[in-house]
Amino acid sequence: MDEQDILMDMAVTPIIKITGMDLPNVTLYAKLEGYNPTGSVKDRAAFYILKKILKTAEINKDTLILESSSGNFGVALASYCKTLSLNFCCVIDVNISPANEKIIRGLSYKVYKITEVDENGGYLLNRIRKIKEILALNPNSYWVNQYANPYNAEAYYKTLGREIISQTKDVDYIFIGVSSGGTITGVSRKIKELSPTTKIIAVDTEGSVIFGGKPKKRFIPGIGSSLVPEILESAKIDEVITISEKLAVEMCHNFSQKHSMLIGGSSGSVLAAVHQYFKRKKIDYNINVLTIFADRGERYLDSIYNEKWCKERFNI
């Protein structure tokens, strides 16, 4: 299988126009990555990485595939490993949605769940420590390591970045949520090559340390991190906006009421960032803004869209 075969298997997701944001002169669009086969933008990296390492013989059919994920990347890897007859071991934590946990457990060879908070107020560092323990006990194993694997960014450079260019024209701003750093690194590099004036806005969450913020306990998977991703070093980012989890959840609720569509917490963060940014930055000419909706909201019915969950964590 050559690289073209890998790229041909990637889905092309739709772009929709979003109205009702009360932002004069701003035409807003969203690329719906929830239309990928397992329901998120992470399909692209999971599928690409597995096909790539099979092609380059970095793994074989007996290799144990390892990854730390409490969300969409774990779901995507579990699904594609099952399809490719590979054994997948996933390390998750208590912030995972019940729906994602059931999917990962149903498709994986082995699952470990981390319950102790690490020194940065999250669970990622303890998940990675567990991964390293498993690696030491299994010589024929491969840690995908989305935070440092160059294939992660390469996947988005060669798929999502290209798609955005082919589907749009004259995009002035692109807002992208950041977690592992793969999406924004790959997309920003491709966009800047072909449309250097387009501004790339990174969206982070309070409690994340990616862009120098102070660590604290976080509840929403899919955005933010307890460590600075290595692959982010080659990203082409113009500005960074940090959004509170409460504001992100409120945006999810408002959006679902206006548009009858459930979106995930990272998408709520991105929308909140767009609203905040252009309320502060007055625009007196017409611009086009694109957001990346990383997934859908159905898997968060027990969290973001659960009244008790929201009340206990954010008093909303």
Protein backbone atom coordinates (compact mmCIF):
# COMPACT_ATOMS: atom_id res chain seq x y z
CA MET A 1 0.00 0.00 0.00
CA ASP A 2 1.48 3.34 -1.02
CA GLU A 3 0.81 6.81 0.36
CA GLN A 4 -1.81 7.57 -2.29
CA ASP A 5 -3.79 4.52 -1.16
CA ILE A 6 -3.73 5.85 2.41
CA LEU A 7 -4.94 9.30 1.36
CA MET A 8 -7.66 7.93 -0.92
CA ASP A 9 -9.25 6.18 2.06
CA MET A 10 -9.74 9.44 3.97
CA ALA A 11 -13.21 10.94 4.17
CA VAL A 12 -14.10 14.43 2.93
CA THR A 13 -16.22 16.14 5.57
CA PRO A 14 -18.76 18.91 4.89
CA ILE A 15 -18.53 22.62 5.65
CA ILE A 16 -21.63 24.51 6.80
CA LYS A 17 -22.41 28.20 7.30
CA ILE A 18 -23.22 29.24 10.87
CA THR A 19 -25.61 32.10 11.53
CA GLY A 20 -26.90 33.86 14.62
CA MET A 21 -23.55 34.75 16.21
CA ASP A 22 -24.18 38.53 16.08
CA LEU A 23 -20.76 39.32 14.60
CA PRO A 24 -21.01 42.16 12.04
CA ASN A 25 -19.06 41.62 8.80
CA VAL A 26 -18.07 38.07 9.85
CA THR A 27 -19.23 35.14 7.73
CA LEU A 28 -18.67 32.03 9.84
CA TYR A 29 -18.27 28.44 8.66
CA ALA A 30 -17.65 25.12 10.42
CA LYS A 31 -16.01 22.01 9.04
CA LEU A 32 -17.88 19.07 10.55
CA GLU A 33 -15.27 16.48 11.44
CA GLY A 34 -17.89 14.46 13.28
CA TYR A 35 -18.81 13.03 9.87
CA ASN A 36 -15.67 10.90 9.85
CA PRO A 37 -16.31 7.13 10.26
CA THR A 38 -15.81 6.90 14.04
CA GLY A 39 -17.17 10.38 14.65
CA SER A 40 -14.27 12.80 15.01
CA VAL A 41 -11.27 14.58 13.53
CA LYS A 42 -9.07 11.94 15.21
CA ASP A 43 -10.04 9.39 12.56
CA ARG A 44 -7.58 11.06 10.24
CA ALA A 45 -4.54 10.64 12.48
CA ALA A 46 -5.46 7.18 13.76
CA PHE A 47 -6.05 5.72 10.31
CA TYR A 48 -3.06 7.47 8.74
CA ILE A 49 -0.61 6.51 11.49
CA LEU A 50 -1.62 2.84 11.53
CA LYS A 51 -1.44 2.48 7.76
CA LYS A 52 1.88 4.35 7.70
CA ILE A 53 3.60 2.20 10.34
CA LEU A 54 2.29 -0.98 8.74
CA LYS A 55 3.65 0.14 5.37
CA THR A 56 7.06 1.05 6.79
CA ALA A 57 7.19 -2.20 8.81
CA GLU A 58 7.53 -0.33 12.11
CA ILE A 59 4.99 -2.81 13.45
CA ASN A 60 3.74 -6.28 12.54
CA LYS A 61 0.48 -8.11 13.14
CA ASP A 62 1.69 -9.26 16.57
CA THR A 63 2.69 -5.80 17.81
CA LEU A 64 0.75 -4.42 20.77
CA ILE A 65 -0.42 -0.89 19.89
CA LEU A 66 -0.44 1.45 22.90
CA GLU A 67 -1.90 4.89 23.43
CA SER A 68 -3.03 7.24 26.17
CA SER A 69 -6.42 8.75 25.34
CA SER A 70 -9.63 9.57 27.15
CA GLY A 71 -11.59 10.49 24.08
CA ASN A 72 -11.82 10.45 20.34
CA PHE A 73 -8.31 9.28 19.51
CA GLY A 74 -8.80 6.19 21.64
CA VAL A 75 -12.09 5.46 19.91
CA ALA A 76 -10.55 5.88 16.47
CA LEU A 77 -7.49 3.76 17.25
CA ALA A 78 -9.60 1.02 18.83
CA SER A 79 -11.82 0.90 15.76
CA TYR A 80 -9.07 0.88 13.15
CA CYS A 81 -6.89 -1.56 15.11
CA LYS A 82 -9.86 -3.91 15.21
CA THR A 83 -10.36 -3.47 11.45
CA LEU A 84 -6.67 -4.18 10.80
CA SER A 85 -6.57 -7.15 13.23
CA LEU A 86 -4.14 -5.39 15.58
CA ASN A 87 -4.19 -5.62 19.39
CA PHE A 88 -4.81 -2.23 20.96
CA CYS A 89 -4.21 -1.29 24.60
CA CYS A 90 -5.64 2.07 25.71
CA VAL A 91 -4.96 4.00 28.91
CA ILE A 92 -7.92 6.22 29.79
CA ASP A 93 -8.92 8.34 32.80
CA VAL A 94 -12.02 9.33 34.73
CA ASN A 95 -12.79 12.31 32.47
CA ILE A 96 -13.74 10.01 29.61
CA SER A 97 -17.39 10.10 28.59
CA PRO A 98 -19.31 6.89 29.37
CA ALA A 99 -20.11 6.45 25.69
CA ASN A 100 -16.45 6.67 24.62
CA GLU A 101 -15.37 4.33 27.41
CA LYS A 102 -17.88 1.69 26.31
CA ILE A 103 -16.71 1.92 22.70
CA ILE A 104 -13.02 1.70 23.62
CA ARG A 105 -13.57 -1.23 25.99
CA GLY A 106 -15.67 -3.03 23.41
CA LEU A 107 -13.03 -2.79 20.68
CA SER A 108 -9.73 -2.92 22.57
CA TYR A 109 -7.49 -5.79 23.64
CA LYS A 110 -6.88 -4.18 27.03
CA VAL A 111 -7.92 -0.97 28.84
CA TYR A 112 -6.43 0.66 31.94
CA LYS A 113 -8.24 3.50 33.74
CA ILE A 114 -6.27 6.15 35.67
CA THR A 115 -8.06 7.64 38.68
CA GLU A 116 -5.29 9.60 40.43
CA VAL A 117 -4.68 13.26 39.53
CA ASP A 118 -1.14 14.14 38.46
CA GLU A 119 0.99 17.09 39.61
CA ASN A 120 -0.54 19.35 36.94
CA GLY A 121 -4.09 18.75 38.10
CA GLY A 122 -4.96 16.39 35.25
CA TYR A 123 -4.49 12.73 34.44
CA LEU A 124 -2.32 12.81 31.32
CA LEU A 125 1.05 12.54 33.04
CA ASN A 126 -0.10 9.50 35.02
CA ARG A 127 -1.56 7.96 31.86
CA ILE A 128 1.81 8.33 30.16
CA ARG A 129 3.59 6.78 33.15
CA LYS A 130 1.30 3.77 32.81
CA ILE A 131 2.07 3.56 29.09
CA LYS A 132 5.80 3.46 29.85
CA GLU A 133 5.25 0.64 32.35
CA ILE A 134 3.43 -1.40 29.71
CA LEU A 135 6.13 -0.66 27.12
CA ALA A 136 8.80 -2.01 29.46
CA LEU A 137 6.90 -5.28 29.87
CA ASN A 138 6.12 -5.77 26.19
CA PRO A 139 9.14 -5.71 23.83
CA ASN A 140 6.98 -5.99 20.70
CA SER A 141 4.88 -2.93 21.37
CA TYR A 142 4.43 0.46 19.70
CA TRP A 143 3.38 3.63 21.50
CA VAL A 144 1.49 5.84 19.07
CA ASN A 145 2.28 8.91 21.23
CA GLN A 146 0.09 11.48 19.51
CA TYR A 147 1.87 14.34 21.31
CA ALA A 148 5.24 13.62 19.67
CA ASN A 149 4.57 11.40 16.65
CA PRO A 150 5.33 13.37 13.45
CA TYR A 151 2.83 11.19 11.56
CA ASN A 152 0.09 12.86 13.62
CA ALA A 153 0.72 16.30 12.13
CA GLU A 154 1.51 14.76 8.74
CA ALA A 155 -1.95 13.20 8.63
CA TYR A 156 -3.65 16.60 8.89
CA TYR A 157 -1.17 18.30 6.59
CA LYS A 158 -1.98 15.80 3.85
CA THR A 159 -5.72 15.40 4.44
CA LEU A 160 -7.54 18.11 6.40
CA GLY A 161 -5.26 20.94 5.27
CA ARG A 162 -5.67 19.97 1.63
CA GLU A 163 -9.43 19.60 2.01
CA ILE A 164 -9.84 23.06 3.49
CA ILE A 165 -7.97 24.58 0.56
CA SER A 166 -10.03 22.63 -1.98
CA GLN A 167 -13.37 23.44 -0.32
CA THR A 168 -12.88 27.13 0.43
CA LYS A 169 -11.43 30.31 -0.94
CA ASP A 170 -10.50 33.61 0.66
CA VAL A 171 -10.56 32.35 4.24
CA ASP A 172 -9.24 35.10 6.49
CA TYR A 173 -9.16 33.25 9.82
CA ILE A 174 -9.16 29.62 10.93
CA PHE A 175 -9.88 28.78 14.59
CA ILE A 176 -8.64 25.38 15.81
CA GLY A 177 -8.82 23.81 19.27
CA VAL A 178 -5.50 22.42 20.54
CA SER A 179 -4.84 19.26 22.53
CA SER A 180 -2.23 16.88 21.10
CA GLY A 181 -1.28 19.58 18.59
CA GLY A 182 -1.58 17.36 15.52
CA THR A 183 -4.53 19.07 13.88
CA ILE A 184 -3.31 22.65 14.21
CA THR A 185 0.28 21.76 13.30
CA GLY A 186 -0.61 19.92 10.11
CA VAL A 187 -3.39 22.27 9.02
CA SER A 188 -1.48 25.47 9.76
CA ARG A 189 1.57 24.33 7.82
CA LYS A 190 -0.49 23.46 4.74
CA ILE A 191 -2.62 26.60 4.92
CA LYS A 192 0.37 28.91 5.33
CA GLU A 193 2.03 27.33 2.30
CA LEU A 194 -0.94 28.03 0.05
CA SER A 195 -2.62 30.99 1.76
CA PRO A 196 0.01 32.82 3.83
CA THR A 197 -2.27 35.73 4.77
CA THR A 198 -4.80 33.45 6.49
CA LYS A 199 -4.57 33.87 10.26
CA ILE A 200 -4.39 30.69 12.36
CA ILE A 201 -5.93 31.13 15.81
CA ALA A 202 -5.21 28.45 18.41
CA VAL A 203 -7.89 27.84 21.03
CA ASP A 204 -6.91 26.47 24.44
CA THR A 205 -8.80 25.96 27.68
CA GLU A 206 -8.17 27.27 31.19
CA GLY A 207 -6.13 24.79 33.21
CA SER A 208 -4.10 23.69 30.20
CA VAL A 209 -0.34 24.28 30.13
CA ILE A 210 0.14 24.16 26.35
CA PHE A 211 0.68 27.89 25.92
CA GLY A 212 2.04 28.69 29.38
CA GLY A 213 -1.17 28.66 31.39
CA LYS A 214 -1.36 27.57 35.02
CA PRO A 215 -2.43 23.94 35.47
CA LYS A 216 -5.68 23.10 37.20
CA LYS A 217 -8.26 20.35 37.13
CA ARG A 218 -10.17 20.11 33.86
CA PHE A 219 -13.31 18.19 32.94
CA ILE A 220 -13.73 18.45 29.17
CA PRO A 221 -11.72 16.01 27.02
CA GLY A 222 -10.47 16.91 23.56
CA ILE A 223 -9.01 20.32 24.28
CA GLY A 224 -6.10 21.43 26.43
CA SER A 225 -3.26 19.34 27.86
CA SER A 226 -1.18 18.78 30.97
CA LEU A 227 1.98 18.86 28.85
CA VAL A 228 3.33 20.86 25.91
CA PRO A 229 3.13 18.68 22.75
CA GLU A 230 6.46 18.25 20.97
CA ILE A 231 4.87 18.35 17.52
CA LEU A 232 3.50 21.82 18.20
CA GLU A 233 6.99 23.26 17.64
CA SER A 234 6.45 23.33 13.87
CA ALA A 235 2.92 24.81 13.99
CA LYS A 236 2.29 28.18 12.30
CA ILE A 237 0.13 29.95 14.87
CA ASP A 238 -0.67 33.67 14.77
CA GLU A 239 -2.62 34.09 18.02
CA VAL A 240 -3.84 32.08 21.00
CA ILE A 241 -7.15 32.45 22.82
CA THR A 242 -7.89 30.72 26.12
CA ILE A 243 -11.51 29.93 27.00
CA SER A 244 -13.00 28.79 30.31
CA GLU A 245 -14.73 25.41 30.37
CA LYS A 246 -17.87 27.06 31.72
CA LEU A 247 -18.05 29.39 28.72
CA ALA A 248 -17.45 26.46 26.37
CA VAL A 249 -20.32 24.47 27.89
CA GLU A 250 -22.63 27.49 27.75
CA MET A 251 -21.78 27.92 24.07
CA CYS A 252 -22.58 24.25 23.42
CA HIS A 253 -25.99 24.73 25.04
CA ASN A 254 -26.72 27.96 23.16
CA PHE A 255 -25.66 26.45 19.85
CA SER A 256 -27.82 23.37 20.32
CA GLN A 257 -30.85 25.55 21.10
CA LYS A 258 -30.35 27.76 18.04
CA HIS A 259 -29.29 25.12 15.52
CA SER A 260 -30.72 21.83 16.83
CA MET A 261 -27.23 20.30 16.63
CA LEU A 262 -25.19 18.83 19.48
CA ILE A 263 -21.50 19.70 19.40
CA GLY A 264 -18.61 18.59 21.60
CA GLY A 265 -16.85 20.67 24.22
CA SER A 266 -13.88 21.55 22.02
CA SER A 267 -16.26 22.88 19.37
CA GLY A 268 -17.99 24.96 22.04
CA SER A 269 -14.59 26.34 23.03
CA VAL A 270 -13.78 27.26 19.44
CA LEU A 271 -17.13 29.00 18.94
CA ALA A 272 -16.69 30.90 22.20
CA ALA A 273 -13.24 31.97 21.04
CA VAL A 274 -14.60 33.26 17.73
CA HIS A 275 -17.31 35.23 19.53
CA GLN A 276 -14.89 36.67 22.09
CA TYR A 277 -12.23 37.52 19.51
CA PHE A 278 -14.48 39.43 17.11
CA LYS A 279 -16.40 41.20 19.84
CA ARG A 280 -13.08 42.71 20.92
CA LYS A 281 -11.64 43.14 17.43
CA LYS A 282 -14.02 45.34 15.49
CA ILE A 283 -14.06 44.48 11.77
CA ASP A 284 -15.20 47.14 9.29
CA TYR A 285 -14.91 44.95 6.19
CA ASN A 286 -16.28 41.53 5.24
CA ILE A 287 -14.24 38.50 6.31
CA ASN A 288 -14.61 34.71 6.14
CA VAL A 289 -13.88 32.67 9.26
CA LEU A 290 -13.59 28.88 9.40
CA THR A 291 -13.81 26.75 12.53
CA ILE A 292 -13.05 23.07 12.98
CA PHE A 293 -15.77 21.16 14.84
CA ALA A 294 -13.75 18.18 16.05
CA ASP A 295 -16.71 15.93 16.87
CA ARG A 296 -20.42 15.74 17.59
CA GLY A 297 -22.13 16.07 20.95
CA GLU A 298 -24.08 12.82 21.26
CA ARG A 299 -21.29 11.15 23.25
CA TYR A 300 -21.49 13.93 25.84
CA LEU A 301 -25.13 13.48 26.82
CA ASP A 302 -23.93 12.30 30.25
CA SER A 303 -21.65 15.30 30.74
CA ILE A 304 -21.90 18.53 28.76
CA TYR A 305 -25.61 18.06 28.10
CA ASN A 306 -26.43 16.65 31.54
CA GLU A 307 -28.00 19.18 33.89
CA LYS A 308 -26.63 17.60 37.08
CA TRP A 309 -23.10 17.31 35.68
CA CYS A 310 -23.08 20.97 34.60
CA LYS A 311 -24.52 22.16 37.91
CA GLU A 312 -21.93 20.29 39.98
CA ARG A 313 -18.93 21.52 37.99
CA PHE A 314 -19.87 24.93 36.64
CA ASN A 315 -23.04 25.93 38.50
CA ILE A 316 -24.97 26.26 35.25
